Amino acid sequence: RYVEIFSKMRNVPQADARRILQVQHRGYDLVEVLQERLGDRYAGVSFDNRGHFEVGIVPGASRDVAREALANRGLGNDSRLVEVRHTWKELLAAQKQLDTQLADLRKAYKLVTGLDATTNTTVIEISKALTAAEQARVDAAVAAVGSEAEVRYRSPTSEARPMQYGATCNHTGDWRSGCHRPFRMGVGIQARYNGAAGGS
């Protein structure tokens, strides 16, 4: 039943849906293991629509450790290492800085922040209804953070509903689907049926 539902949700054949879910299940503890093994050099994990894990690798991180963790879970052919610029710790620090500087706008539901493992950025999604003064504040805060930050604007359809934090991330790593704050991109992949993964 679960495979059938997933197949319809993602418009893929049931055989592909079954394979994707099996791959996802094999990597249910990948985030926790890589966080422990890579320490401060951990840079996030994502899981795409095709059923592949992508492990972010920053300079100084051990590729051998990452490959071993993937191989031990039978994910050697269903994953790849991706060079990225920022560690997860750096992205969390950037998010904290943005949340502090723009706390009033966040509390007014005019923006939300999150971490996106697929782009290796701290994302700030803002409403197009911001005033000029509020937009200037956002621009200054983002500039202060630097390359870790990525600004996204709400779509016309999403503008019609209030920003909120509930639910969980979906398997494609679309952080906007409403992960519990701060958006971790898939902690507990197996239990919450998440995909893109980051960590706490």
C-alpha atoms as a PDB file:
ATOM      1  CA  ARG A   1       0.000   0.000   0.000  1.00  0.00           C
ATOM      2  CA  TYR A   2       2.822   2.370   0.890  1.00  0.00           C
ATOM      3  CA  VAL A   3       4.538   1.706  -2.451  1.00  0.00           C
ATOM      4  CA  GLU A   4       1.291   2.370  -4.287  1.00  0.00           C
ATOM      5  CA  ILE A   5       0.761   5.674  -2.502  1.00  0.00           C
ATOM      6  CA  PHE A   6       4.352   6.769  -3.147  1.00  0.00           C
ATOM      7  CA  SER A   7       4.056   5.758  -6.803  1.00  0.00           C
ATOM      8  CA  LYS A   8       0.999   7.963  -7.254  1.00  0.00           C
ATOM      9  CA  MET A   9       2.473  10.858  -5.307  1.00  0.00           C
ATOM     10  CA  ARG A  10       5.626  10.959  -7.424  1.00  0.00           C
ATOM     11  CA  ASN A  11       4.120   9.712 -10.677  1.00  0.00           C
ATOM     12  CA  VAL A  12       6.610   6.862 -11.038  1.00  0.00           C
ATOM     13  CA  PRO A  13       6.054   3.138 -11.777  1.00  0.00           C
ATOM     14  CA  GLN A  14       5.559   0.998  -8.686  1.00  0.00           C
ATOM     15  CA  ALA A  15       8.768  -0.900  -9.396  1.00  0.00           C
ATOM     16  CA  ASP A  16      10.729   2.353  -9.280  1.00  0.00           C
ATOM     17  CA  ALA A  17       8.848   3.463  -6.186  1.00  0.00           C
ATOM     18  CA  ARG A  18       9.728   0.208  -4.426  1.00  0.00           C
ATOM     19  CA  ARG A  19      13.421   0.574  -5.316  1.00  0.00           C
ATOM     20  CA  ILE A  20      13.545   4.194  -4.129  1.00  0.00           C
ATOM     21  CA  LEU A  21      11.939   3.312  -0.816  1.00  0.00           C
ATOM     22  CA  GLN A  22      14.297   0.369  -0.340  1.00  0.00           C
ATOM     23  CA  VAL A  23      17.327   2.576  -0.959  1.00  0.00           C
ATOM     24  CA  GLN A  24      15.965   5.170   1.428  1.00  0.00           C
ATOM     25  CA  HIS A  25      15.430   2.528   4.090  1.00  0.00           C
ATOM     26  CA  ARG A  26      19.005   1.264   3.776  1.00  0.00           C
ATOM     27  CA  GLY A  27      20.273   4.754   4.529  1.00  0.00           C
ATOM     28  CA  TYR A  28      17.974   5.442   7.470  1.00  0.00           C
ATOM     29  CA  ASP A  29      20.897   6.045   9.881  1.00  0.00           C
ATOM     30  CA  LEU A  30      23.324   7.571   7.371  1.00  0.00           C
ATOM     31  CA  VAL A  31      23.018  11.096   8.759  1.00  0.00           C
ATOM     32  CA  GLU A  32      23.785  10.096  12.317  1.00  0.00           C
ATOM     33  CA  VAL A  33      26.731   7.900  11.294  1.00  0.00           C
ATOM     34  CA  LEU A  34      28.322  10.566   9.103  1.00  0.00           C
ATOM     35  CA  GLN A  35      27.818  13.234  11.738  1.00  0.00           C
ATOM     36  CA  GLU A  36      29.665  11.076  14.230  1.00  0.00           C
ATOM     37  CA  ARG A  37      32.445   9.999  11.849  1.00  0.00           C
ATOM     38  CA  LEU A  38      33.044  13.332  10.092  1.00  0.00           C
ATOM     39  CA  GLY A  39      32.507  15.566  13.107  1.00  0.00           C
ATOM     40  CA  ASP A  40      32.788  19.282  12.334  1.00  0.00           C
ATOM     41  CA  ARG A  41      33.492  18.471   8.662  1.00  0.00           C
ATOM     42  CA  TYR A  42      30.018  17.002   8.172  1.00  0.00           C
ATOM     43  CA  ALA A  43      28.226  18.918   5.403  1.00  0.00           C
ATOM     44  CA  GLY A  44      24.792  17.344   4.956  1.00  0.00           C
ATOM     45  CA  VAL A  45      23.162  14.535   3.007  1.00  0.00           C
ATOM     46  CA  SER A  46      20.379  14.745   0.433  1.00  0.00           C
ATOM     47  CA  PHE A  47      18.168  12.143  -1.251  1.00  0.00           C
ATOM     48  CA  ASP A  48      16.753  12.852  -4.694  1.00  0.00           C
ATOM     49  CA  ASN A  49      13.703  11.759  -6.688  1.00  0.00           C
ATOM     50  CA  ARG A  50      15.715   9.084  -8.487  1.00  0.00           C
ATOM     51  CA  GLY A  51      16.603   7.350  -5.232  1.00  0.00           C
ATOM     52  CA  HIS A  52      20.207   8.482  -4.832  1.00  0.00           C
ATOM     53  CA  PHE A  53      21.957   9.803  -1.751  1.00  0.00           C
ATOM     54  CA  GLU A  54      24.333  12.730  -2.179  1.00  0.00           C
ATOM     55  CA  VAL A  55      26.888  13.311   0.562  1.00  0.00           C
ATOM     56  CA  GLY A  56      28.369  16.781   0.851  1.00  0.00           C
ATOM     57  CA  ILE A  57      32.161  16.813   1.173  1.00  0.00           C
ATOM     58  CA  VAL A  58      34.077  19.917   2.247  1.00  0.00           C
ATOM     59  CA  PRO A  59      37.864  20.324   2.091  1.00  0.00           C
ATOM     60  CA  GLY A  60      39.436  18.320   4.875  1.00  0.00           C
ATOM     61  CA  ALA A  61      36.596  15.809   5.134  1.00  0.00           C
ATOM     62  CA  SER A  62      37.509  12.159   4.654  1.00  0.00           C
ATOM     63  CA  ARG A  63      36.079  10.742   1.452  1.00  0.00           C
ATOM     64  CA  ASP A  64      37.113   7.261   2.599  1.00  0.00           C
ATOM     65  CA  VAL A  65      34.958   7.574   5.733  1.00  0.00           C
ATOM     66  CA  ALA A  66      31.968   8.632   3.654  1.00  0.00           C
ATOM     67  CA  ARG A  67      32.475   5.852   1.107  1.00  0.00           C
ATOM     68  CA  GLU A  68      32.812   3.261   3.868  1.00  0.00           C
ATOM     69  CA  ALA A  69      29.557   4.386   5.494  1.00  0.00           C
ATOM     70  CA  LEU A  70      27.768   4.159   2.147  1.00  0.00           C
ATOM     71  CA  ALA A  71      29.280   0.788   1.253  1.00  0.00           C
ATOM     72  CA  ASN A  72      28.377  -0.712   4.632  1.00  0.00           C
ATOM     73  CA  ARG A  73      24.732   0.067   3.855  1.00  0.00           C
ATOM     74  CA  GLY A  74      24.802  -1.254   0.317  1.00  0.00           C
ATOM     75  CA  LEU A  75      24.578   2.254  -1.101  1.00  0.00           C
ATOM     76  CA  GLY A  76      27.722   2.302  -3.201  1.00  0.00           C
ATOM     77  CA  ASN A  77      25.764   2.306  -6.471  1.00  0.00           C
ATOM     78  CA  ASP A  78      22.998   4.538  -5.166  1.00  0.00           C
ATOM     79  CA  SER A  79      25.033   7.480  -3.975  1.00  0.00           C
ATOM     80  CA  ARG A  80      27.719   9.953  -4.847  1.00  0.00           C
ATOM     81  CA  LEU A  81      30.016  12.391  -3.073  1.00  0.00           C
ATOM     82  CA  VAL A  82      29.526  16.060  -3.894  1.00  0.00           C
ATOM     83  CA  GLU A  83      32.064  18.790  -3.223  1.00  0.00           C
ATOM     84  CA  VAL A  84      30.481  21.641  -1.273  1.00  0.00           C
ATOM     85  CA  ARG A  85      31.738  24.835   0.362  1.00  0.00           C
ATOM     86  CA  HIS A  86      30.133  24.873   3.791  1.00  0.00           C
ATOM     87  CA  THR A  87      29.929  22.525   6.744  1.00  0.00           C
ATOM     88  CA  TRP A  88      26.587  21.915   8.441  1.00  0.00           C
ATOM     89  CA  LYS A  89      27.933  23.700  11.505  1.00  0.00           C
ATOM     90  CA  GLU A  90      28.615  26.810   9.419  1.00  0.00           C
ATOM     91  CA  LEU A  91      25.128  26.712   7.923  1.00  0.00           C
ATOM     92  CA  LEU A  92      23.551  26.383  11.369  1.00  0.00           C
ATOM     93  CA  ALA A  93      25.567  29.376  12.562  1.00  0.00           C
ATOM     94  CA  ALA A  94      24.383  31.395   9.561  1.00  0.00           C
ATOM     95  CA  GLN A  95      20.781  30.435  10.293  1.00  0.00           C
ATOM     96  CA  LYS A  96      21.137  31.474  13.926  1.00  0.00           C
ATOM     97  CA  GLN A  97      22.547  34.822  12.854  1.00  0.00           C
ATOM     98  CA  LEU A  98      19.678  35.456  10.439  1.00  0.00           C
ATOM     99  CA  ASP A  99      17.085  34.366  13.001  1.00  0.00           C
ATOM    100  CA  THR A 100      18.556  36.768  15.553  1.00  0.00           C
ATOM    101  CA  GLN A 101      18.829  39.775  13.258  1.00  0.00           C
ATOM    102  CA  LEU A 102      15.386  39.274  11.711  1.00  0.00           C
ATOM    103  CA  ALA A 103      13.544  37.859  14.716  1.00  0.00           C
ATOM    104  CA  ASP A 104      10.633  40.302  14.493  1.00  0.00           C
ATOM    105  CA  LEU A 105       9.980  39.513  10.823  1.00  0.00           C
ATOM    106  CA  ARG A 106      10.171  35.789  11.532  1.00  0.00           C
ATOM    107  CA  LYS A 107       7.724  36.077  14.429  1.00  0.00           C
ATOM    108  CA  ALA A 108       5.402  38.068  12.148  1.00  0.00           C
ATOM    109  CA  TYR A 109       5.544  35.148   9.649  1.00  0.00           C
ATOM    110  CA  LYS A 110       7.075  37.343   6.976  1.00  0.00           C
ATOM    111  CA  LEU A 111       9.999  34.995   6.502  1.00  0.00           C
ATOM    112  CA  VAL A 112      11.280  31.569   7.446  1.00  0.00           C
ATOM    113  CA  THR A 113      14.790  30.195   7.516  1.00  0.00           C
ATOM    114  CA  GLY A 114      16.068  26.694   6.890  1.00  0.00           C
ATOM    115  CA  LEU A 115      18.987  24.574   5.780  1.00  0.00           C
ATOM    116  CA  ASP A 116      18.985  22.988   2.335  1.00  0.00           C
ATOM    117  CA  ALA A 117      21.401  20.091   1.969  1.00  0.00           C
ATOM    118  CA  THR A 118      20.776  19.925  -1.788  1.00  0.00           C
ATOM    119  CA  THR A 119      22.205  23.420  -2.327  1.00  0.00           C
ATOM    120  CA  ASN A 120      24.456  23.532   0.749  1.00  0.00           C
ATOM    121  CA  THR A 121      22.945  26.823   1.834  1.00  0.00           C
ATOM    122  CA  THR A 122      21.065  28.483   4.638  1.00  0.00           C
ATOM    123  CA  VAL A 123      17.802  29.420   2.968  1.00  0.00           C
ATOM    124  CA  ILE A 124      15.715  32.434   3.855  1.00  0.00           C
ATOM    125  CA  GLU A 125      12.304  32.404   2.220  1.00  0.00           C
ATOM    126  CA  ILE A 126      10.657  35.789   2.267  1.00  0.00           C
ATOM    127  CA  SER A 127       7.259  37.172   1.426  1.00  0.00           C
ATOM    128  CA  LYS A 128       6.980  39.507  -1.548  1.00  0.00           C
ATOM    129  CA  ALA A 129       4.777  41.649   0.662  1.00  0.00           C
ATOM    130  CA  LEU A 130       7.752  42.999   2.630  1.00  0.00           C
ATOM    131  CA  THR A 131       8.018  46.772   2.823  1.00  0.00           C
ATOM    132  CA  ALA A 132      11.013  48.501   1.270  1.00  0.00           C
ATOM    133  CA  ALA A 133      12.514  49.024   4.715  1.00  0.00           C
ATOM    134  CA  GLU A 134      12.015  45.373   5.662  1.00  0.00           C
ATOM    135  CA  GLN A 135      13.528  44.211   2.372  1.00  0.00           C
ATOM    136  CA  ALA A 136      16.558  46.424   3.006  1.00  0.00           C
ATOM    137  CA  ARG A 137      17.000  44.799   6.421  1.00  0.00           C
ATOM    138  CA  VAL A 138      16.825  41.338   4.876  1.00  0.00           C
ATOM    139  CA  ASP A 139      19.346  42.282   2.181  1.00  0.00           C
ATOM    140  CA  ALA A 140      21.760  43.617   4.802  1.00  0.00           C
ATOM    141  CA  ALA A 141      21.396  40.510   6.980  1.00  0.00           C
ATOM    142  CA  VAL A 142      21.985  38.202   4.023  1.00  0.00           C
ATOM    143  CA  ALA A 143      25.031  40.206   2.920  1.00  0.00           C
ATOM    144  CA  ALA A 144      26.458  39.946   6.436  1.00  0.00           C
ATOM    145  CA  VAL A 145      26.099  36.170   6.387  1.00  0.00           C
ATOM    146  CA  GLY A 146      27.785  35.823   2.990  1.00  0.00           C
ATOM    147  CA  SER A 147      27.820  32.874   0.623  1.00  0.00           C
ATOM    148  CA  GLU A 148      26.112  30.559   3.107  1.00  0.00           C
ATOM    149  CA  ALA A 149      22.784  32.347   2.553  1.00  0.00           C
ATOM    150  CA  GLU A 150      20.336  31.938  -0.300  1.00  0.00           C
ATOM    151  CA  VAL A 151      17.204  34.069  -0.682  1.00  0.00           C
ATOM    152  CA  ARG A 152      14.022  32.553  -2.083  1.00  0.00           C
ATOM    153  CA  TYR A 153      10.741  34.323  -2.665  1.00  0.00           C
ATOM    154  CA  ARG A 154       7.372  32.772  -1.981  1.00  0.00           C
ATOM    155  CA  SER A 155       5.441  31.678  -5.037  1.00  0.00           C
ATOM    156  CA  PRO A 156       2.123  33.410  -5.876  1.00  0.00           C
ATOM    157  CA  THR A 157       0.217  30.328  -4.702  1.00  0.00           C
ATOM    158  CA  SER A 158       2.077  30.045  -1.412  1.00  0.00           C
ATOM    159  CA  GLU A 159       1.555  33.760  -0.694  1.00  0.00           C
ATOM    160  CA  ALA A 160      -2.114  32.966  -0.237  1.00  0.00           C
ATOM    161  CA  ARG A 161      -1.468  30.933   2.934  1.00  0.00           C
ATOM    162  CA  PRO A 162       0.430  31.924   6.071  1.00  0.00           C
ATOM    163  CA  MET A 163       3.971  30.762   6.701  1.00  0.00           C
ATOM    164  CA  GLN A 164       4.099  27.943   9.211  1.00  0.00           C
ATOM    165  CA  TYR A 165       6.522  25.405  10.578  1.00  0.00           C
ATOM    166  CA  GLY A 166       4.614  22.137  10.988  1.00  0.00           C
ATOM    167  CA  ALA A 167       4.768  18.728   9.278  1.00  0.00           C
ATOM    168  CA  THR A 168       8.011  17.168   8.039  1.00  0.00           C
ATOM    169  CA  CYS A 169      10.319  17.471   5.039  1.00  0.00           C
ATOM    170  CA  ASN A 170       9.388  15.432   1.998  1.00  0.00           C
ATOM    171  CA  HIS A 171      11.603  12.856   0.358  1.00  0.00           C
ATOM    172  CA  THR A 172      12.829  15.143  -2.408  1.00  0.00           C
ATOM    173  CA  GLY A 173      14.465  17.520  -0.006  1.00  0.00           C
ATOM    174  CA  ASP A 174      12.016  20.351  -0.599  1.00  0.00           C
ATOM    175  CA  TRP A 175      12.682  22.187   2.637  1.00  0.00           C
ATOM    176  CA  ARG A 176       9.642  24.415   2.121  1.00  0.00           C
ATOM    177  CA  SER A 177       7.261  21.520   2.693  1.00  0.00           C
ATOM    178  CA  GLY A 178       7.346  22.432   6.353  1.00  0.00           C
ATOM    179  CA  CYS A 179      10.047  20.810   8.445  1.00  0.00           C
ATOM    180  CA  HIS A 180      10.040  21.453  12.157  1.00  0.00           C
ATOM    181  CA  ARG A 181      12.252  24.462  12.802  1.00  0.00           C
ATOM    182  CA  PRO A 182      15.108  24.744  12.318  1.00  0.00           C
ATOM    183  CA  PHE A 183      14.787  22.793   9.093  1.00  0.00           C
ATOM    184  CA  ARG A 184      17.140  19.829   9.382  1.00  0.00           C
ATOM    185  CA  MET A 185      16.483  18.227   5.999  1.00  0.00           C
ATOM    186  CA  GLY A 186      15.735  14.740   7.064  1.00  0.00           C
ATOM    187  CA  VAL A 187      16.755  13.740  10.548  1.00  0.00           C
ATOM    188  CA  GLY A 188      15.201  10.345  11.107  1.00  0.00           C
ATOM    189  CA  ILE A 189      14.728   9.386   7.478  1.00  0.00           C
ATOM    190  CA  GLN A 190      13.100   6.066   8.240  1.00  0.00           C
ATOM    191  CA  ALA A 191      10.744   7.167  10.977  1.00  0.00           C
ATOM    192  CA  ARG A 192       9.506  10.343   9.332  1.00  0.00           C
ATOM    193  CA  TYR A 193       9.770   9.298   5.673  1.00  0.00           C
ATOM    194  CA  ASN A 194      12.159  12.138   4.951  1.00  0.00           C
ATOM    195  CA  GLY A 195      14.837  12.153   2.344  1.00  0.00           C
ATOM    196  CA  ALA A 196      17.236  15.060   2.149  1.00  0.00           C
ATOM    197  CA  ALA A 197      19.177  14.987   5.330  1.00  0.00           C
ATOM    198  CA  GLY A 198      21.167  17.356   7.393  1.00  0.00           C
ATOM    199  CA  GLY A 199      21.408  16.900  11.095  1.00  0.00           C
ATOM    200  CA  SER A 200      21.098  18.800  14.303  1.00  0.00           C
END
